[in-house]
Amino acid sequence: MQVIEVVNHLDAATAQAFLEKLPKHIRDAFYSRADEIGYPIEAVLESAIAASLDPDALSFLDCKPS
């Protein structure tokens, strides 16, 4: 029997590998946003991907009260 591991979130190493392939100005924007809201870069990247695929996906505005 094959065991399948389910990964629910991006890990830091995968996020870094993805970010390294992006143009510098886009990568810098991701890091700037992560610093601005105080979230790990992998969470910011995952949120951006989710929002581009599903406009009803949760965003950081939903998670952080004003």
PDB file of N, CA and C in Angstrom:
ATOM      1  N   MET A   1       0.845  -1.174   0.000  1.00  0.00           N
ATOM      2  CA  MET A   1       0.000   0.000   0.000  1.00  0.00           C
ATOM      3  C   MET A   1       0.892   1.240   0.000  1.00  0.00           C
ATOM      4  N   GLN A   2       0.575   2.184  -0.856  1.00  0.00           N
ATOM      5  CA  GLN A   2       1.344   3.420  -0.951  1.00  0.00           C
ATOM      6  C   GLN A   2       0.755   4.453  -0.002  1.00  0.00           C
ATOM      7  N   VAL A   3       1.618   5.112   0.763  1.00  0.00           N
ATOM      8  CA  VAL A   3       1.185   6.161   1.680  1.00  0.00           C
ATOM      9  C   VAL A   3       1.405   7.504   0.992  1.00  0.00           C
ATOM     10  N   ILE A   4       0.381   8.310   0.961  1.00  0.00           N
ATOM     11  CA  ILE A   4       0.462   9.630   0.337  1.00  0.00           C
ATOM     12  C   ILE A   4       0.408  10.682   1.433  1.00  0.00           C
ATOM     13  N   GLU A   5       1.409  11.534   1.441  1.00  0.00           N
ATOM     14  CA  GLU A   5       1.446  12.626   2.407  1.00  0.00           C
ATOM     15  C   GLU A   5       0.784  13.848   1.786  1.00  0.00           C
ATOM     16  N   VAL A   6      -0.160  14.440   2.506  1.00  0.00           N
ATOM     17  CA  VAL A   6      -0.855  15.618   2.029  1.00  0.00           C
ATOM     18  C   VAL A   6      -0.175  16.854   2.608  1.00  0.00           C
ATOM     19  N   VAL A   7       0.186  17.774   1.730  1.00  0.00           N
ATOM     20  CA  VAL A   7       0.789  19.029   2.156  1.00  0.00           C
ATOM     21  C   VAL A   7      -0.252  20.119   1.961  1.00  0.00           C
ATOM     22  N   ASN A   8      -0.602  20.768   3.051  1.00  0.00           N
ATOM     23  CA  ASN A   8      -1.654  21.772   2.990  1.00  0.00           C
ATOM     24  C   ASN A   8      -1.137  23.186   2.772  1.00  0.00           C
ATOM     25  N   HIS A   9       0.132  23.412   3.034  1.00  0.00           N
ATOM     26  CA  HIS A   9       0.684  24.760   2.896  1.00  0.00           C
ATOM     27  C   HIS A   9       2.065  24.692   2.277  1.00  0.00           C
ATOM     28  N   LEU A  10       2.449  25.787   1.677  1.00  0.00           N
ATOM     29  CA  LEU A  10       3.790  25.904   1.109  1.00  0.00           C
ATOM     30  C   LEU A  10       4.816  25.911   2.227  1.00  0.00           C
ATOM     31  N   ASP A  11       5.891  25.192   2.052  1.00  0.00           N
ATOM     32  CA  ASP A  11       6.956  25.254   3.052  1.00  0.00           C
ATOM     33  C   ASP A  11       7.957  26.324   2.633  1.00  0.00           C
ATOM     34  N   ALA A  12       8.796  26.747   3.561  1.00  0.00           N
ATOM     35  CA  ALA A  12       9.725  27.850   3.330  1.00  0.00           C
ATOM     36  C   ALA A  12      10.695  27.547   2.189  1.00  0.00           C
ATOM     37  N   ALA A  13      11.202  26.327   2.104  1.00  0.00           N
ATOM     38  CA  ALA A  13      12.166  25.977   1.059  1.00  0.00           C
ATOM     39  C   ALA A  13      11.537  26.056  -0.332  1.00  0.00           C
ATOM     40  N   THR A  14      10.312  25.593  -0.480  1.00  0.00           N
ATOM     41  CA  THR A  14       9.625  25.649  -1.771  1.00  0.00           C
ATOM     42  C   THR A  14       9.335  27.098  -2.156  1.00  0.00           C
ATOM     43  N   ALA A  15       8.897  27.885  -1.186  1.00  0.00           N
ATOM     44  CA  ALA A  15       8.636  29.302  -1.455  1.00  0.00           C
ATOM     45  C   ALA A  15       9.908  30.010  -1.907  1.00  0.00           C
ATOM     46  N   GLN A  16      11.020  29.745  -1.242  1.00  0.00           N
ATOM     47  CA  GLN A  16      12.297  30.363  -1.621  1.00  0.00           C
ATOM     48  C   GLN A  16      12.694  29.969  -3.031  1.00  0.00           C
ATOM     49  N   ALA A  17      12.550  28.687  -3.371  1.00  0.00           N
ATOM     50  CA  ALA A  17      12.901  28.214  -4.708  1.00  0.00           C
ATOM     51  C   ALA A  17      12.045  28.904  -5.768  1.00  0.00           C
ATOM     52  N   PHE A  18      10.768  29.069  -5.483  1.00  0.00           N
ATOM     53  CA  PHE A  18       9.863  29.747  -6.411  1.00  0.00           C
ATOM     54  C   PHE A  18      10.240  31.219  -6.554  1.00  0.00           C
ATOM     55  N   LEU A  19      10.461  31.882  -5.428  1.00  0.00           N
ATOM     56  CA  LEU A  19      10.787  33.312  -5.444  1.00  0.00           C
ATOM     57  C   LEU A  19      12.093  33.601  -6.179  1.00  0.00           C
ATOM     58  N   GLU A  20      13.053  32.710  -6.087  1.00  0.00           N
ATOM     59  CA  GLU A  20      14.335  32.907  -6.761  1.00  0.00           C
ATOM     60  C   GLU A  20      14.189  32.985  -8.277  1.00  0.00           C
ATOM     61  N   LYS A  21      13.135  32.393  -8.808  1.00  0.00           N
ATOM     62  CA  LYS A  21      12.916  32.380 -10.259  1.00  0.00           C
ATOM     63  C   LYS A  21      12.151  33.608 -10.758  1.00  0.00           C
ATOM     64  N   LEU A  22      11.619  34.397  -9.856  1.00  0.00           N
ATOM     65  CA  LEU A  22      10.850  35.582 -10.242  1.00  0.00           C
ATOM     66  C   LEU A  22      11.776  36.760 -10.541  1.00  0.00           C
ATOM     67  N   PRO A  23      11.310  37.699 -11.372  1.00  0.00           N
ATOM     68  CA  PRO A  23      12.090  38.931 -11.566  1.00  0.00           C
ATOM     69  C   PRO A  23      12.273  39.651 -10.223  1.00  0.00           C
ATOM     70  N   LYS A  24      13.390  40.353 -10.083  1.00  0.00           N
ATOM     71  CA  LYS A  24      13.750  40.994  -8.811  1.00  0.00           C
ATOM     72  C   LYS A  24      12.660  41.922  -8.295  1.00  0.00           C
ATOM     73  N   HIS A  25      12.049  42.724  -9.161  1.00  0.00           N
ATOM     74  CA  HIS A  25      11.038  43.683  -8.691  1.00  0.00           C
ATOM     75  C   HIS A  25       9.804  42.979  -8.123  1.00  0.00           C
ATOM     76  N   ILE A  26       9.446  41.836  -8.675  1.00  0.00           N
ATOM     77  CA  ILE A  26       8.308  41.083  -8.140  1.00  0.00           C
ATOM     78  C   ILE A  26       8.693  40.415  -6.828  1.00  0.00           C
ATOM     79  N   ARG A  27       9.877  39.827  -6.785  1.00  0.00           N
ATOM     80  CA  ARG A  27      10.375  39.196  -5.555  1.00  0.00           C
ATOM     81  C   ARG A  27      10.448  40.230  -4.430  1.00  0.00           C
ATOM     82  N   ASP A  28      10.983  41.411  -4.742  1.00  0.00           N
ATOM     83  CA  ASP A  28      11.086  42.480  -3.741  1.00  0.00           C
ATOM     84  C   ASP A  28       9.712  42.903  -3.229  1.00  0.00           C
ATOM     85  N   ALA A  29       8.717  42.919  -4.122  1.00  0.00           N
ATOM     86  CA  ALA A  29       7.356  43.288  -3.712  1.00  0.00           C
ATOM     87  C   ALA A  29       6.779  42.265  -2.744  1.00  0.00           C
ATOM     88  N   PHE A  30       7.040  40.988  -2.994  1.00  0.00           N
ATOM     89  CA  PHE A  30       6.574  39.949  -2.065  1.00  0.00           C
ATOM     90  C   PHE A  30       7.218  40.124  -0.690  1.00  0.00           C
ATOM     91  N   TYR A  31       8.534  40.329  -0.668  1.00  0.00           N
ATOM     92  CA  TYR A  31       9.222  40.505   0.615  1.00  0.00           C
ATOM     93  C   TYR A  31       8.754  41.771   1.335  1.00  0.00           C
ATOM     94  N   SER A  32       8.525  42.821   0.576  1.00  0.00           N
ATOM     95  CA  SER A  32       8.045  44.073   1.174  1.00  0.00           C
ATOM     96  C   SER A  32       6.673  43.876   1.813  1.00  0.00           C
ATOM     97  N   ARG A  33       5.802  43.169   1.118  1.00  0.00           N
ATOM     98  CA  ARG A  33       4.461  42.909   1.657  1.00  0.00           C
ATOM     99  C   ARG A  33       4.529  42.035   2.909  1.00  0.00           C
ATOM    100  N   ALA A  34       5.389  41.034   2.881  1.00  0.00           N
ATOM    101  CA  ALA A  34       5.550  40.156   4.046  1.00  0.00           C
ATOM    102  C   ALA A  34       6.022  40.957   5.258  1.00  0.00           C
ATOM    103  N   ASP A  35       6.980  41.853   5.048  1.00  0.00           N
ATOM    104  CA  ASP A  35       7.468  42.697   6.143  1.00  0.00           C
ATOM    105  C   ASP A  35       6.374  43.633   6.644  1.00  0.00           C
ATOM    106  N   GLU A  36       5.632  44.198   5.708  1.00  0.00           N
ATOM    107  CA  GLU A  36       4.580  45.157   6.045  1.00  0.00           C
ATOM    108  C   GLU A  36       3.514  44.551   6.941  1.00  0.00           C
ATOM    109  N   ILE A  37       3.115  43.324   6.664  1.00  0.00           N
ATOM    110  CA  ILE A  37       2.028  42.717   7.442  1.00  0.00           C
ATOM    111  C   ILE A  37       2.520  41.738   8.501  1.00  0.00           C
ATOM    112  N   GLY A  38       3.826  41.490   8.532  1.00  0.00           N
ATOM    113  CA  GLY A  38       4.379  40.632   9.575  1.00  0.00           C
ATOM    114  C   GLY A  38       4.072  39.155   9.420  1.00  0.00           C
ATOM    115  N   TYR A  39       3.992  38.691   8.184  1.00  0.00           N
ATOM    116  CA  TYR A  39       3.732  37.280   7.909  1.00  0.00           C
ATOM    117  C   TYR A  39       4.946  36.655   7.236  1.00  0.00           C
ATOM    118  N   PRO A  40       5.115  35.348   7.357  1.00  0.00           N
ATOM    119  CA  PRO A  40       6.217  34.673   6.665  1.00  0.00           C
ATOM    120  C   PRO A  40       6.026  34.760   5.148  1.00  0.00           C
ATOM    121  N   ILE A  41       7.132  34.823   4.432  1.00  0.00           N
ATOM    122  CA  ILE A  41       7.083  34.967   2.978  1.00  0.00           C
ATOM    123  C   ILE A  41       6.298  33.846   2.322  1.00  0.00           C
ATOM    124  N   GLU A  42       6.391  32.622   2.845  1.00  0.00           N
ATOM    125  CA  GLU A  42       5.656  31.514   2.221  1.00  0.00           C
ATOM    126  C   GLU A  42       4.152  31.698   2.347  1.00  0.00           C
ATOM    127  N   ALA A  43       3.698  32.322   3.433  1.00  0.00           N
ATOM    128  CA  ALA A  43       2.264  32.577   3.598  1.00  0.00           C
ATOM    129  C   ALA A  43       1.789  33.651   2.624  1.00  0.00           C
ATOM    130  N   VAL A  44       2.614  34.677   2.407  1.00  0.00           N
ATOM    131  CA  VAL A  44       2.261  35.745   1.472  1.00  0.00           C
ATOM    132  C   VAL A  44       2.198  35.192   0.049  1.00  0.00           C
ATOM    133  N   LEU A  45       3.168  34.388  -0.309  1.00  0.00           N
ATOM    134  CA  LEU A  45       3.182  33.790  -1.644  1.00  0.00           C
ATOM    135  C   LEU A  45       1.977  32.870  -1.846  1.00  0.00           C
ATOM    136  N   GLU A  46       1.694  32.041  -0.860  1.00  0.00           N
ATOM    137  CA  GLU A  46       0.548  31.125  -0.950  1.00  0.00           C
ATOM    138  C   GLU A  46      -0.757  31.905  -1.084  1.00  0.00           C
ATOM    139  N   SER A  47      -0.889  32.985  -0.340  1.00  0.00           N
ATOM    140  CA  SER A  47      -2.095  33.802  -0.404  1.00  0.00           C
ATOM    141  C   SER A  47      -2.245  34.441  -1.784  1.00  0.00           C
ATOM    142  N   ALA A  48      -1.149  34.921  -2.353  1.00  0.00           N
ATOM    143  CA  ALA A  48      -1.195  35.536  -3.684  1.00  0.00           C
ATOM    144  C   ALA A  48      -1.619  34.518  -4.743  1.00  0.00           C
ATOM    145  N   ILE A  49      -1.088  33.315  -4.640  1.00  0.00           N
ATOM    146  CA  ILE A  49      -1.456  32.266  -5.597  1.00  0.00           C
ATOM    147  C   ILE A  49      -2.933  31.908  -5.435  1.00  0.00           C
ATOM    148  N   ALA A  50      -3.369  31.739  -4.200  1.00  0.00           N
ATOM    149  CA  ALA A  50      -4.773  31.388  -3.939  1.00  0.00           C
ATOM    150  C   ALA A  50      -5.710  32.476  -4.459  1.00  0.00           C
ATOM    151  N   ALA A  51      -5.356  33.743  -4.239  1.00  0.00           N
ATOM    152  CA  ALA A  51      -6.204  34.851  -4.678  1.00  0.00           C
ATOM    153  C   ALA A  51      -6.282  34.928  -6.195  1.00  0.00           C
ATOM    154  N   SER A  52      -5.198  34.558  -6.881  1.00  0.00           N
ATOM    155  CA  SER A  52      -5.238  34.600  -8.348  1.00  0.00           C
ATOM    156  C   SER A  52      -6.076  33.459  -8.917  1.00  0.00           C
ATOM    157  N   LEU A  53      -6.179  32.363  -8.184  1.00  0.00           N
ATOM    158  CA  LEU A  53      -6.959  31.219  -8.645  1.00  0.00           C
ATOM    159  C   LEU A  53      -8.419  31.290  -8.224  1.00  0.00           C
ATOM    160  N   ASP A  54      -8.673  31.939  -7.085  1.00  0.00           N
ATOM    161  CA  ASP A  54     -10.024  32.006  -6.534  1.00  0.00           C
ATOM    162  C   ASP A  54     -10.263  33.378  -5.926  1.00  0.00           C
ATOM    163  N   PRO A  55     -11.027  34.220  -6.603  1.00  0.00           N
ATOM    164  CA  PRO A  55     -11.248  35.580  -6.080  1.00  0.00           C
ATOM    165  C   PRO A  55     -11.945  35.613  -4.716  1.00  0.00           C
ATOM    166  N   ASP A  56     -12.570  34.506  -4.325  1.00  0.00           N
ATOM    167  CA  ASP A  56     -13.237  34.442  -3.027  1.00  0.00           C
ATOM    168  C   ASP A  56     -12.348  33.856  -1.927  1.00  0.00           C
ATOM    169  N   ALA A  57     -11.087  33.572  -2.258  1.00  0.00           N
ATOM    170  CA  ALA A  57     -10.161  33.006  -1.268  1.00  0.00           C
ATOM    171  C   ALA A  57      -9.900  34.022  -0.163  1.00  0.00           C
ATOM    172  N   LEU A  58      -9.611  33.501   1.031  1.00  0.00           N
ATOM    173  CA  LEU A  58      -9.265  34.383   2.146  1.00  0.00           C
ATOM    174  C   LEU A  58      -7.999  35.155   1.816  1.00  0.00           C
ATOM    175  N   SER A  59      -7.935  36.376   2.272  1.00  0.00           N
ATOM    176  CA  SER A  59      -6.738  37.183   2.102  1.00  0.00           C
ATOM    177  C   SER A  59      -6.264  37.627   3.476  1.00  0.00           C
ATOM    178  N   PHE A  60      -5.140  38.312   3.517  1.00  0.00           N
ATOM    179  CA  PHE A  60      -4.640  38.792   4.794  1.00  0.00           C
ATOM    180  C   PHE A  60      -5.523  39.871   5.371  1.00  0.00           C
ATOM    181  N   LEU A  61      -6.285  40.548   4.528  1.00  0.00           N
ATOM    182  CA  LEU A  61      -7.238  41.532   5.047  1.00  0.00           C
ATOM    183  C   LEU A  61      -8.329  40.833   5.849  1.00  0.00           C
ATOM    184  N   ASP A  62      -8.667  39.593   5.464  1.00  0.00           N
ATOM    185  CA  ASP A  62      -9.663  38.819   6.212  1.00  0.00           C
ATOM    186  C   ASP A  62      -9.119  38.325   7.534  1.00  0.00           C
ATOM    187  N   CYS A  63      -7.819  38.130   7.614  1.00  0.00           N
ATOM    188  CA  CYS A  63      -7.198  37.501   8.790  1.00  0.00           C
ATOM    189  C   CYS A  63      -6.767  38.491   9.861  1.00  0.00           C
ATOM    190  N   LYS A  64      -6.498  39.720   9.488  1.00  0.00           N
ATOM    191  CA  LYS A  64      -6.001  40.706  10.451  1.00  0.00           C
ATOM    192  C   LYS A  64      -7.063  41.770  10.702  1.00  0.00           C
ATOM    193  N   PRO A  65      -7.611  41.824  11.902  1.00  0.00           N
ATOM    194  CA  PRO A  65      -8.604  42.860  12.184  1.00  0.00           C
ATOM    195  C   PRO A  65      -7.967  44.252  12.160  1.00  0.00           C
ATOM    196  N   SER A  66      -8.757  45.229  11.802  1.00  0.00           N
ATOM    197  CA  SER A  66      -8.250  46.615  11.737  1.00  0.00           C
ATOM    198  C   SER A  66      -8.022  47.214  13.092  1.00  0.00           C
TER     199      SER A  66
END
